[in-house]
N, C-alpha and C. Protein backbone atom coordinates (compact mmCIF):
# COMPACT_ATOMS: atom_id res chain seq x y z
N UNK A 1 7.48 59.35 61.15
CA UNK A 1 7.80 58.04 60.61
C UNK A 1 7.97 58.10 59.09
N UNK A 2 7.25 58.99 58.42
CA UNK A 2 7.38 59.12 56.97
C UNK A 2 8.81 59.46 56.58
N UNK A 3 9.42 60.37 57.32
CA UNK A 3 10.81 60.74 57.06
C UNK A 3 11.73 59.54 57.27
N UNK A 4 11.49 58.75 58.30
CA UNK A 4 12.30 57.57 58.58
C UNK A 4 12.19 56.54 57.46
N UNK A 5 10.99 56.37 56.92
CA UNK A 5 10.80 55.43 55.80
C UNK A 5 11.58 55.92 54.59
N UNK A 6 11.51 57.22 54.31
CA UNK A 6 12.26 57.77 53.18
C UNK A 6 13.76 57.55 53.34
N UNK A 7 14.26 57.80 54.53
CA UNK A 7 15.69 57.61 54.80
C UNK A 7 16.09 56.16 54.60
N UNK A 8 15.30 55.24 55.15
CA UNK A 8 15.60 53.81 55.03
C UNK A 8 15.58 53.39 53.56
N UNK A 9 14.58 53.84 52.82
CA UNK A 9 14.49 53.46 51.41
C UNK A 9 15.61 54.08 50.58
N UNK A 10 16.00 55.30 50.89
CA UNK A 10 17.10 55.93 50.17
C UNK A 10 18.40 55.16 50.39
N UNK A 11 18.58 54.61 51.58
CA UNK A 11 19.79 53.84 51.89
C UNK A 11 19.78 52.46 51.24
N UNK A 12 18.59 51.85 51.12
CA UNK A 12 18.50 50.47 50.64
C UNK A 12 18.05 50.33 49.19
N UNK A 13 17.48 51.37 48.61
CA UNK A 13 17.10 51.33 47.20
C UNK A 13 15.77 50.65 46.94
N UNK A 14 15.76 49.34 47.00
CA UNK A 14 14.56 48.54 46.76
C UNK A 14 14.26 47.75 48.01
N UNK A 15 13.03 47.88 48.50
CA UNK A 15 12.68 47.31 49.80
C UNK A 15 11.29 46.70 49.73
N UNK A 16 11.13 45.53 50.36
CA UNK A 16 9.80 44.93 50.44
C UNK A 16 9.04 45.51 51.63
N UNK A 17 7.73 45.42 51.56
CA UNK A 17 6.90 45.87 52.69
C UNK A 17 7.24 45.03 53.92
N UNK A 18 7.54 43.75 53.71
CA UNK A 18 7.91 42.88 54.84
C UNK A 18 9.17 43.39 55.52
N UNK A 19 10.16 43.80 54.73
CA UNK A 19 11.40 44.35 55.30
C UNK A 19 11.13 45.63 56.09
N UNK A 20 10.30 46.49 55.53
CA UNK A 20 9.96 47.74 56.22
C UNK A 20 9.23 47.45 57.53
N UNK A 21 8.27 46.54 57.48
CA UNK A 21 7.51 46.20 58.68
C UNK A 21 8.42 45.62 59.76
N UNK A 22 9.35 44.78 59.35
CA UNK A 22 10.30 44.19 60.30
C UNK A 22 11.21 45.28 60.89
N UNK A 23 11.73 46.12 60.04
CA UNK A 23 12.65 47.17 60.50
C UNK A 23 11.97 48.15 61.46
N UNK A 24 10.75 48.57 61.10
CA UNK A 24 10.05 49.57 61.91
C UNK A 24 9.14 48.95 62.96
N UNK A 25 9.18 47.63 63.06
CA UNK A 25 8.39 46.90 64.07
C UNK A 25 6.93 47.31 64.06
N UNK A 26 6.33 47.18 62.87
CA UNK A 26 4.93 47.54 62.70
C UNK A 26 4.29 46.60 61.69
N UNK A 27 3.01 46.72 61.51
CA UNK A 27 2.27 45.90 60.56
C UNK A 27 2.33 46.52 59.16
N UNK A 28 2.34 45.68 58.12
CA UNK A 28 2.33 46.22 56.75
C UNK A 28 1.15 47.16 56.49
N UNK A 29 0.01 46.87 57.09
CA UNK A 29 -1.17 47.73 56.90
C UNK A 29 -0.96 49.13 57.48
N UNK A 30 -0.11 49.24 58.47
CA UNK A 30 0.21 50.55 59.05
C UNK A 30 1.08 51.36 58.09
N UNK A 31 1.94 50.67 57.36
CA UNK A 31 2.86 51.34 56.43
C UNK A 31 2.19 51.77 55.14
N UNK A 32 1.14 51.07 54.73
CA UNK A 32 0.56 51.28 53.40
C UNK A 32 0.15 52.72 53.11
N UNK A 33 -0.54 53.42 54.02
CA UNK A 33 -0.88 54.82 53.71
C UNK A 33 0.35 55.71 53.48
N UNK A 34 1.41 55.45 54.20
CA UNK A 34 2.63 56.24 54.03
C UNK A 34 3.31 55.91 52.70
N UNK A 35 3.31 54.63 52.33
CA UNK A 35 3.88 54.23 51.04
C UNK A 35 3.06 54.82 49.90
N UNK A 36 1.74 54.82 50.05
CA UNK A 36 0.87 55.42 49.03
C UNK A 36 1.18 56.91 48.86
N UNK A 37 1.40 57.60 49.96
CA UNK A 37 1.72 59.03 49.90
C UNK A 37 3.04 59.26 49.19
N UNK A 38 4.05 58.44 49.50
CA UNK A 38 5.35 58.58 48.84
C UNK A 38 5.25 58.27 47.35
N UNK A 39 4.37 57.34 46.98
CA UNK A 39 4.14 57.05 45.56
C UNK A 39 3.51 58.26 44.87
N UNK A 40 2.51 58.85 45.50
CA UNK A 40 1.85 60.02 44.93
C UNK A 40 2.82 61.19 44.75
N UNK A 41 3.78 61.31 45.66
CA UNK A 41 4.77 62.39 45.57
C UNK A 41 5.87 62.08 44.55
N UNK A 42 5.89 60.85 44.03
CA UNK A 42 6.89 60.47 43.04
C UNK A 42 8.24 60.10 43.64
N UNK A 43 8.28 59.82 44.93
CA UNK A 43 9.55 59.47 45.58
C UNK A 43 9.85 57.98 45.54
N UNK A 44 8.81 57.17 45.47
CA UNK A 44 8.98 55.72 45.34
C UNK A 44 7.99 55.22 44.30
N UNK A 45 8.20 54.00 43.85
CA UNK A 45 7.21 53.34 43.00
C UNK A 45 7.15 51.88 43.39
N UNK A 46 5.99 51.31 43.16
CA UNK A 46 5.83 49.89 43.45
C UNK A 46 6.38 49.09 42.29
N UNK A 47 7.21 48.11 42.60
CA UNK A 47 7.76 47.21 41.59
C UNK A 47 6.75 46.11 41.34
N UNK A 48 6.40 45.90 40.13
CA UNK A 48 5.40 44.88 39.77
C UNK A 48 6.04 43.54 39.44
N UNK A 49 7.36 43.47 39.48
CA UNK A 49 8.06 42.26 39.05
C UNK A 49 8.65 41.46 40.21
N UNK A 50 8.21 41.72 41.42
CA UNK A 50 8.75 41.00 42.59
C UNK A 50 8.38 39.53 42.51
N UNK A 51 9.31 38.69 42.91
CA UNK A 51 9.09 37.24 42.89
C UNK A 51 9.42 36.66 44.25
N UNK A 52 8.78 35.55 44.55
CA UNK A 52 9.10 34.85 45.80
C UNK A 52 10.48 34.23 45.68
N UNK A 53 11.08 33.99 46.83
CA UNK A 53 12.35 33.27 46.81
C UNK A 53 12.07 31.84 46.35
N UNK A 54 13.03 31.16 45.84
CA UNK A 54 12.78 29.85 45.24
C UNK A 54 12.21 28.85 46.23
N UNK A 55 11.10 28.26 45.84
CA UNK A 55 10.48 27.23 46.66
C UNK A 55 9.70 27.74 47.85
N UNK A 56 9.62 29.04 48.03
CA UNK A 56 8.95 29.59 49.20
C UNK A 56 7.44 29.48 49.06
N UNK A 57 6.81 28.94 50.09
CA UNK A 57 5.35 28.87 50.11
C UNK A 57 4.79 29.47 51.39
N UNK A 58 5.65 30.04 52.22
CA UNK A 58 5.19 30.53 53.52
C UNK A 58 4.99 32.04 53.57
N UNK A 59 5.38 32.76 52.55
CA UNK A 59 5.28 34.22 52.58
C UNK A 59 3.83 34.66 52.37
N UNK A 60 3.42 35.65 53.12
CA UNK A 60 2.12 36.27 52.95
C UNK A 60 2.14 37.08 51.66
N UNK A 61 1.18 36.84 50.80
CA UNK A 61 1.14 37.52 49.50
C UNK A 61 1.16 39.04 49.66
N UNK A 62 0.54 39.56 50.70
CA UNK A 62 0.50 41.00 50.92
C UNK A 62 1.85 41.60 51.23
N UNK A 63 2.77 40.82 51.78
CA UNK A 63 4.09 41.36 52.11
C UNK A 63 5.08 41.23 50.95
N UNK A 64 4.63 40.67 49.83
CA UNK A 64 5.52 40.53 48.68
C UNK A 64 5.58 41.81 47.86
N UNK A 65 4.92 42.84 48.31
CA UNK A 65 4.99 44.12 47.63
C UNK A 65 6.39 44.70 47.81
N UNK A 66 6.94 45.19 46.72
CA UNK A 66 8.28 45.75 46.74
C UNK A 66 8.22 47.17 46.18
N UNK A 67 8.91 48.07 46.86
CA UNK A 67 8.96 49.47 46.44
C UNK A 67 10.40 49.87 46.16
N UNK A 68 10.55 50.75 45.18
CA UNK A 68 11.87 51.23 44.76
C UNK A 68 11.97 52.73 45.04
N UNK A 69 13.08 53.14 45.63
CA UNK A 69 13.34 54.55 45.90
C UNK A 69 13.70 55.25 44.61
N UNK A 70 13.05 56.35 44.32
CA UNK A 70 13.34 57.14 43.12
C UNK A 70 14.02 58.45 43.46
N UNK A 71 13.87 58.90 44.68
CA UNK A 71 14.46 60.17 45.09
C UNK A 71 13.40 61.24 45.19
N UNK A 72 13.78 62.35 45.76
CA UNK A 72 12.83 63.45 45.92
C UNK A 72 12.52 64.08 44.58
N UNK A 73 11.22 64.13 44.26
CA UNK A 73 10.78 64.76 43.03
C UNK A 73 10.93 63.93 41.77
N UNK A 74 11.43 62.69 41.87
CA UNK A 74 11.58 61.84 40.70
C UNK A 74 10.22 61.35 40.24
N UNK A 75 10.09 61.06 38.96
CA UNK A 75 8.81 60.59 38.44
C UNK A 75 8.79 59.10 38.18
N UNK A 76 9.92 58.47 37.92
CA UNK A 76 10.01 57.01 37.84
C UNK A 76 9.06 56.33 36.89
N UNK A 77 9.10 56.66 35.61
CA UNK A 77 8.20 56.04 34.67
C UNK A 77 8.85 54.93 33.87
N UNK A 78 10.15 54.74 33.99
CA UNK A 78 10.81 53.69 33.24
C UNK A 78 10.65 52.36 33.94
N UNK A 79 10.47 51.27 33.17
CA UNK A 79 10.29 49.96 33.79
C UNK A 79 11.58 49.46 34.40
N UNK A 80 11.50 48.64 35.43
CA UNK A 80 12.70 48.07 36.05
C UNK A 80 13.39 47.12 35.10
N UNK A 81 14.68 46.94 35.27
CA UNK A 81 15.45 46.12 34.34
C UNK A 81 15.45 44.64 34.67
N UNK A 82 15.27 44.27 35.91
CA UNK A 82 15.28 42.86 36.28
C UNK A 82 14.41 42.62 37.50
N UNK A 83 13.87 41.39 37.62
CA UNK A 83 13.02 41.08 38.78
C UNK A 83 13.78 41.19 40.08
N UNK A 84 13.05 41.43 41.15
CA UNK A 84 13.63 41.59 42.47
C UNK A 84 13.04 40.55 43.39
N UNK A 85 13.87 39.89 44.19
CA UNK A 85 13.36 38.98 45.21
C UNK A 85 12.64 39.81 46.26
N UNK A 86 11.41 39.45 46.57
CA UNK A 86 10.57 40.28 47.42
C UNK A 86 10.93 40.20 48.89
N UNK A 87 11.41 39.08 49.35
CA UNK A 87 11.63 38.90 50.78
C UNK A 87 13.04 38.41 51.01
N UNK A 88 13.72 39.04 51.95
CA UNK A 88 15.04 38.57 52.35
C UNK A 88 14.88 37.80 53.64
N UNK A 89 15.03 36.48 53.56
CA UNK A 89 14.90 35.67 54.76
C UNK A 89 16.21 35.69 55.53
N UNK A 90 16.11 35.87 56.83
CA UNK A 90 17.30 35.81 57.67
C UNK A 90 17.14 34.70 58.67
N UNK A 91 18.23 34.05 58.97
CA UNK A 91 18.20 32.92 59.91
C UNK A 91 18.87 33.31 61.19
């Protein structure tokens, strides 16, 4: 599953934990150890500037975590240039 997460993130760039959980049909808590490992390896980083969609009050705060793909072996120390919407709602 770790490889699948890397592939998905490489294709999408910036992804919320909620999007990953929905895509892989699992709980965010199941994904967290794998995301932590990818962070330690320097392949992804957590974005600290994620914001809720306008007027949203229904999102679980824990799923508003957003991660950015840096690539294999990247260190990703530069700050992001603009905030990212944490959750993509689909109807």
